[in-house]
Amino acid sequence: MINVRTDLAGGDVGYFQFNTHNAIAEEQLYNAFNELAASNIKDLVIDVRYNGGGLLELASQVAYMVAGNANTQGKFFEGTIFNGKNPNTNPVTGETITPMPFTNQFIGFDKSASIVSGSQLPTLNLNRVYVLTTSNTCSASEAIMNGLRGADIEVIQIGSGTCGKPYGFYPTNNCDTTYFTIQFTGQNNKGFGEYSDGFAPQNTVDDARQPVHIDGCAVADGFTKQLGSADERLLRAALEYRTSGSCPAPSSINSMRGLHHLLIPLR
């Protein structure tokens, strides 16, 4: 599900809710960013509070559409690391290990999509993005944050700490059983990828975990307002932080732990 708004803060702020990095989301993302680009927004809020991950290349597309070519040229979205025995060759595919670029074209994961594969993706060319998160924000969603930070895009986090999944796998079939074993980890263009305790807003009251703190506000999820409403707790905090730089009283990183989904590479 992708829900888009382009009328926040007098039309200066766009919002979209993104719940799953799956094949059918690619065309929806393409259309959503075309709508956002046509509205000439100055800031963007990405709501991935319930997005547990999925296809990594979709995350790369989202990051590219946020940042644009000028901000990503000569940089990669995510590099893949296996282990000391496989420093240069992917042991699953047998291919040479190369970083995933910021993907600038429509891939066509869903063969029924109406967009032609290879079509250029729309871009917002932003230097800053606000991301709404909870402990259900995992894997490919966290990779968007890390990949953008690696390209010097300012990521401002509103919500609670993410789940912490800088890892991935290739589904492996054995008769009627499919195994999902962690096989690699990822790092951004600056060589950073250690966020196994997640990302958390800088004023978070921490528990025993040691998350990576980034700018933003620790805010508990709200359930009384429609997602995308300017009065919804996390979105309201993002809009207020944008204008004042101040946060509400911080919430603890402790929150109900949701399902921890693993990142699925590529397709």
Protein backbone atom coordinates (compact mmCIF):
# COMPACT_ATOMS: atom_id res chain seq x y z
CA MET A 1 0.00 0.00 0.00
CA ILE A 2 1.27 3.46 -0.93
CA ASN A 3 -0.62 6.52 0.27
CA VAL A 4 0.51 9.94 -1.04
CA ARG A 5 -0.12 13.51 0.10
CA THR A 6 1.29 16.65 -1.50
CA ASP A 7 -0.62 19.36 0.38
CA LEU A 8 1.12 19.48 3.75
CA ALA A 9 2.62 22.75 5.03
CA GLY A 10 0.93 24.69 2.26
CA GLY A 11 2.22 22.31 -0.41
CA ASP A 12 5.86 22.47 0.68
CA VAL A 13 5.88 18.96 2.21
CA GLY A 14 5.02 15.67 0.57
CA TYR A 15 4.21 12.43 2.37
CA PHE A 16 3.95 8.84 1.35
CA GLN A 17 3.21 5.69 3.28
CA PHE A 18 5.16 2.65 2.07
CA ASN A 19 4.42 -0.72 3.68
CA THR A 20 6.21 -3.46 1.70
CA HIS A 21 9.16 -3.73 -0.66
CA ASN A 22 7.47 -6.22 -2.99
CA ALA A 23 7.14 -6.57 -6.77
CA ILE A 24 3.77 -4.87 -7.14
CA ALA A 25 5.01 -1.82 -5.20
CA GLU A 26 7.42 -0.76 -7.96
CA GLU A 27 4.79 0.74 -10.26
CA GLN A 28 3.04 2.36 -7.30
CA LEU A 29 6.32 3.96 -6.22
CA TYR A 30 6.97 5.19 -9.76
CA ASN A 31 3.54 6.83 -9.88
CA ALA A 32 3.86 8.22 -6.33
CA PHE A 33 7.18 9.95 -7.06
CA ASN A 34 5.85 11.35 -10.34
CA GLU A 35 3.00 12.90 -8.33
CA LEU A 36 5.41 14.24 -5.72
CA ALA A 37 7.77 15.65 -8.36
CA ALA A 38 4.91 17.37 -10.18
CA SER A 39 3.91 19.10 -6.94
CA ASN A 40 7.33 20.75 -6.50
CA ILE A 41 7.57 19.84 -2.82
CA LYS A 42 10.52 21.12 -0.81
CA ASP A 43 10.60 18.32 1.81
CA LEU A 44 9.49 14.69 1.94
CA VAL A 45 8.21 12.47 4.75
CA ILE A 46 8.53 8.71 4.13
CA ASP A 47 6.34 6.61 6.41
CA VAL A 48 7.89 3.14 6.77
CA ARG A 49 6.78 2.50 10.35
CA TYR A 50 5.24 -0.86 9.36
CA ASN A 51 7.58 -1.75 6.49
CA GLY A 52 9.48 -4.93 7.35
CA GLY A 53 11.58 -4.97 4.20
CA GLY A 54 11.72 -7.00 1.01
CA LEU A 55 13.43 -6.38 -2.33
CA LEU A 56 16.63 -4.43 -1.82
CA GLU A 57 16.66 -2.96 -5.32
CA LEU A 58 13.31 -1.31 -4.59
CA ALA A 59 14.98 0.41 -1.65
CA SER A 60 17.72 1.54 -4.03
CA GLN A 61 15.09 2.96 -6.39
CA VAL A 62 13.39 4.86 -3.56
CA ALA A 63 16.70 6.33 -2.42
CA TYR A 64 17.54 7.41 -5.97
CA MET A 65 14.13 9.01 -6.49
CA VAL A 66 14.59 10.97 -3.25
CA ALA A 67 18.14 12.14 -3.94
CA GLY A 68 18.41 12.34 -7.73
CA ASN A 69 21.38 11.96 -10.04
CA ALA A 70 23.48 14.91 -8.83
CA ASN A 71 23.49 13.62 -5.24
CA THR A 72 24.20 9.98 -6.14
CA GLN A 73 26.53 10.19 -9.14
CA GLY A 74 29.73 8.26 -8.51
CA LYS A 75 28.32 6.70 -5.33
CA PHE A 76 26.81 3.29 -4.64
CA PHE A 77 23.70 2.46 -2.64
CA GLU A 78 24.94 -0.67 -0.86
CA GLY A 79 28.00 -2.86 -0.96
CA THR A 80 27.73 -6.56 -0.12
CA ILE A 81 30.03 -8.39 2.29
CA PHE A 82 30.03 -12.16 2.71
CA ASN A 83 32.99 -13.47 4.74
CA GLY A 84 36.75 -13.80 4.67
CA LYS A 85 36.55 -16.85 2.42
CA ASN A 86 34.56 -14.95 -0.20
CA PRO A 87 35.98 -11.42 -0.38
CA ASN A 88 35.55 -10.98 -4.13
CA THR A 89 33.11 -13.61 -5.40
CA ASN A 90 29.47 -14.11 -4.48
CA PRO A 91 29.40 -17.74 -3.24
CA VAL A 92 25.73 -18.11 -4.17
CA THR A 93 25.76 -16.76 -7.74
CA GLY A 94 29.44 -17.19 -8.57
CA GLU A 95 29.56 -13.60 -9.83
CA THR A 96 32.12 -10.96 -8.90
CA ILE A 97 30.91 -8.94 -5.92
CA THR A 98 30.06 -5.39 -7.01
CA PRO A 99 28.18 -2.72 -5.04
CA MET A 100 24.53 -2.08 -5.85
CA PRO A 101 24.21 1.36 -7.49
CA PHE A 102 21.47 3.86 -6.86
CA THR A 103 19.02 2.34 -9.33
CA ASN A 104 17.76 4.99 -11.75
CA GLN A 105 15.53 2.87 -14.00
CA PHE A 106 12.26 0.98 -13.75
CA ILE A 107 13.12 -2.72 -13.40
CA GLY A 108 9.77 -4.42 -13.99
CA PHE A 109 9.63 -6.85 -11.07
CA ASP A 110 5.91 -7.28 -11.76
CA LYS A 111 5.58 -8.35 -15.38
CA SER A 112 2.02 -7.01 -15.50
CA ALA A 113 3.20 -3.43 -14.80
CA SER A 114 2.26 -0.82 -17.39
CA ILE A 115 5.63 0.97 -17.17
CA VAL A 116 8.25 -0.04 -19.73
CA SER A 117 11.34 -1.65 -18.17
CA GLY A 118 14.30 0.71 -18.45
CA SER A 119 12.17 3.84 -18.11
CA GLN A 120 13.96 6.64 -16.26
CA LEU A 121 12.74 7.09 -12.69
CA PRO A 122 11.37 10.45 -11.51
CA THR A 123 13.45 12.31 -8.93
CA LEU A 124 12.91 14.92 -6.23
CA ASN A 125 16.59 15.97 -5.94
CA LEU A 126 16.30 16.51 -2.19
CA ASN A 127 19.17 16.92 0.27
CA ARG A 128 17.01 15.97 3.27
CA VAL A 129 14.30 13.46 4.07
CA TYR A 130 12.15 12.73 7.13
CA VAL A 131 11.55 9.06 7.92
CA LEU A 132 8.80 7.78 10.25
CA THR A 133 9.82 4.55 11.99
CA THR A 134 8.96 1.96 14.63
CA SER A 135 10.51 -1.34 15.68
CA ASN A 136 8.69 -2.86 12.68
CA THR A 137 10.90 -0.81 10.33
CA CYS A 138 13.41 -3.38 9.12
CA SER A 139 15.89 -4.48 6.48
CA ALA A 140 15.27 -2.78 3.12
CA SER A 141 13.58 0.13 4.92
CA GLU A 142 16.68 0.62 7.07
CA ALA A 143 18.80 0.28 3.93
CA ILE A 144 17.04 3.35 2.48
CA MET A 145 18.14 5.32 5.53
CA ASN A 146 21.69 3.98 5.49
CA GLY A 147 22.11 4.31 1.75
CA LEU A 148 20.96 7.93 1.76
CA ARG A 149 23.25 8.75 4.67
CA GLY A 150 26.11 7.26 2.67
CA ALA A 151 25.34 9.78 -0.09
CA ASP A 152 25.34 12.70 2.39
CA ILE A 153 21.56 13.09 2.35
CA GLU A 154 20.34 14.30 5.74
CA VAL A 155 18.03 11.66 7.25
CA ILE A 156 15.81 12.86 10.09
CA GLN A 157 14.14 10.05 12.02
CA ILE A 158 10.81 10.48 13.79
CA GLY A 159 9.38 7.62 15.86
CA SER A 160 11.02 4.75 17.68
CA GLY A 161 14.12 2.65 17.05
CA THR A 162 14.19 0.39 14.02
CA CYS A 163 14.61 -3.37 14.32
CA GLY A 164 18.25 -3.64 13.21
CA LYS A 165 18.66 -5.89 10.15
CA PRO A 166 21.71 -4.99 8.07
CA TYR A 167 21.72 -8.58 6.78
CA GLY A 168 20.34 -10.48 3.81
CA PHE A 169 19.95 -13.85 2.20
CA TYR A 170 19.14 -15.76 -0.93
CA PRO A 171 16.16 -18.12 -0.49
CA THR A 172 17.49 -21.66 -1.02
CA ASN A 173 15.14 -24.48 -2.07
CA ASN A 174 15.65 -28.06 -0.96
CA CYS A 175 12.83 -30.33 -2.17
CA ASP A 176 9.65 -28.85 -0.65
CA THR A 177 11.49 -26.73 1.92
CA THR A 178 12.91 -23.24 1.40
CA TYR A 179 15.70 -22.11 3.72
CA PHE A 180 16.36 -18.49 4.64
CA THR A 181 19.79 -18.34 6.23
CA ILE A 182 21.70 -15.10 6.72
CA GLN A 183 24.46 -14.96 4.13
CA PHE A 184 25.71 -11.41 3.85
CA THR A 185 25.67 -7.94 5.30
CA GLY A 186 25.60 -4.56 3.59
CA GLN A 187 27.34 -1.22 3.94
CA ASN A 188 26.78 2.21 2.42
CA ASN A 189 29.03 4.31 0.22
CA LYS A 190 30.95 5.50 3.31
CA GLY A 191 31.65 1.94 4.42
CA PHE A 192 29.12 1.95 7.27
CA GLY A 193 26.75 -0.94 7.89
CA GLU A 194 26.82 -1.82 11.58
CA TYR A 195 23.32 -1.03 12.80
CA SER A 196 22.32 -4.42 14.18
CA ASP A 197 20.67 -2.58 17.09
CA GLY A 198 18.83 -0.34 14.66
CA PHE A 199 18.66 3.39 14.08
CA ALA A 200 17.08 5.59 16.76
CA PRO A 201 16.36 9.33 17.04
CA GLN A 202 19.06 11.24 18.89
CA ASN A 203 16.94 11.98 21.99
CA THR A 204 15.77 8.38 22.47
CA VAL A 205 15.80 7.00 26.02
CA ASP A 206 17.72 3.80 25.35
CA ASP A 207 17.39 0.34 26.75
CA ALA A 208 20.19 -2.25 26.75
CA ARG A 209 20.55 -1.97 22.99
CA GLN A 210 23.06 0.36 21.37
CA PRO A 211 21.36 1.84 18.33
CA VAL A 212 22.91 4.28 15.89
CA HIS A 213 21.58 7.69 16.92
CA ILE A 214 20.65 10.15 14.21
CA ASP A 215 18.90 13.51 14.18
CA GLY A 216 15.19 13.52 14.93
CA CYS A 217 12.64 12.90 17.66
CA ALA A 218 11.72 9.83 19.69
CA VAL A 219 7.93 9.62 19.46
CA ALA A 220 5.69 6.69 20.34
CA ASP A 221 3.39 5.46 17.57
CA GLY A 222 -0.14 6.84 17.64
CA PHE A 223 -3.29 4.90 16.81
CA THR A 224 -6.10 7.44 17.01
CA LYS A 225 -5.52 9.34 13.75
CA GLN A 226 -5.45 8.26 10.14
CA LEU A 227 -1.95 7.71 8.75
CA GLY A 228 -1.11 10.69 6.60
CA SER A 229 -3.19 13.07 8.69
CA ALA A 230 -1.32 16.21 9.74
CA ASP A 231 -2.64 15.53 13.25
CA GLU A 232 -1.24 11.98 13.41
CA ARG A 233 1.40 11.84 16.15
CA LEU A 234 4.54 10.96 14.15
CA LEU A 235 3.72 13.10 11.12
CA ARG A 236 2.80 16.03 13.35
CA ALA A 237 6.14 15.72 15.14
CA ALA A 238 7.97 15.68 11.78
CA LEU A 239 6.17 18.83 10.62
CA GLU A 240 6.85 20.60 13.90
CA TYR A 241 10.52 19.59 13.89
CA ARG A 242 10.81 20.94 10.35
CA THR A 243 9.68 24.40 11.41
CA SER A 244 11.04 24.67 14.95
CA GLY A 245 13.80 22.08 15.30
CA SER A 246 12.23 20.98 18.60
CA CYS A 247 10.84 17.63 19.73
CA PRO A 248 8.09 16.54 22.10
CA ALA A 249 9.14 14.77 25.31
CA PRO A 250 11.17 11.73 24.17
CA SER A 251 9.75 8.22 24.22
CA SER A 252 11.80 5.13 25.09
CA ILE A 253 13.24 2.88 22.42
CA ASN A 254 11.32 0.15 24.22
CA SER A 255 8.17 -0.56 22.26
CA MET A 256 6.25 -3.61 21.17
CA ARG A 257 8.59 -5.63 19.00
CA GLY A 258 6.92 -6.55 15.74
CA LEU A 259 7.77 -9.20 13.19
CA HIS A 260 11.40 -8.97 12.17
CA HIS A 261 11.57 -9.57 8.43
CA LEU A 262 14.85 -10.26 6.71
CA LEU A 263 16.07 -8.32 3.73
CA ILE A 264 15.68 -10.11 0.40
CA PRO A 265 18.31 -9.07 -2.18
CA LEU A 266 17.48 -7.90 -5.65
CA ARG A 267 14.74 -10.05 -7.10
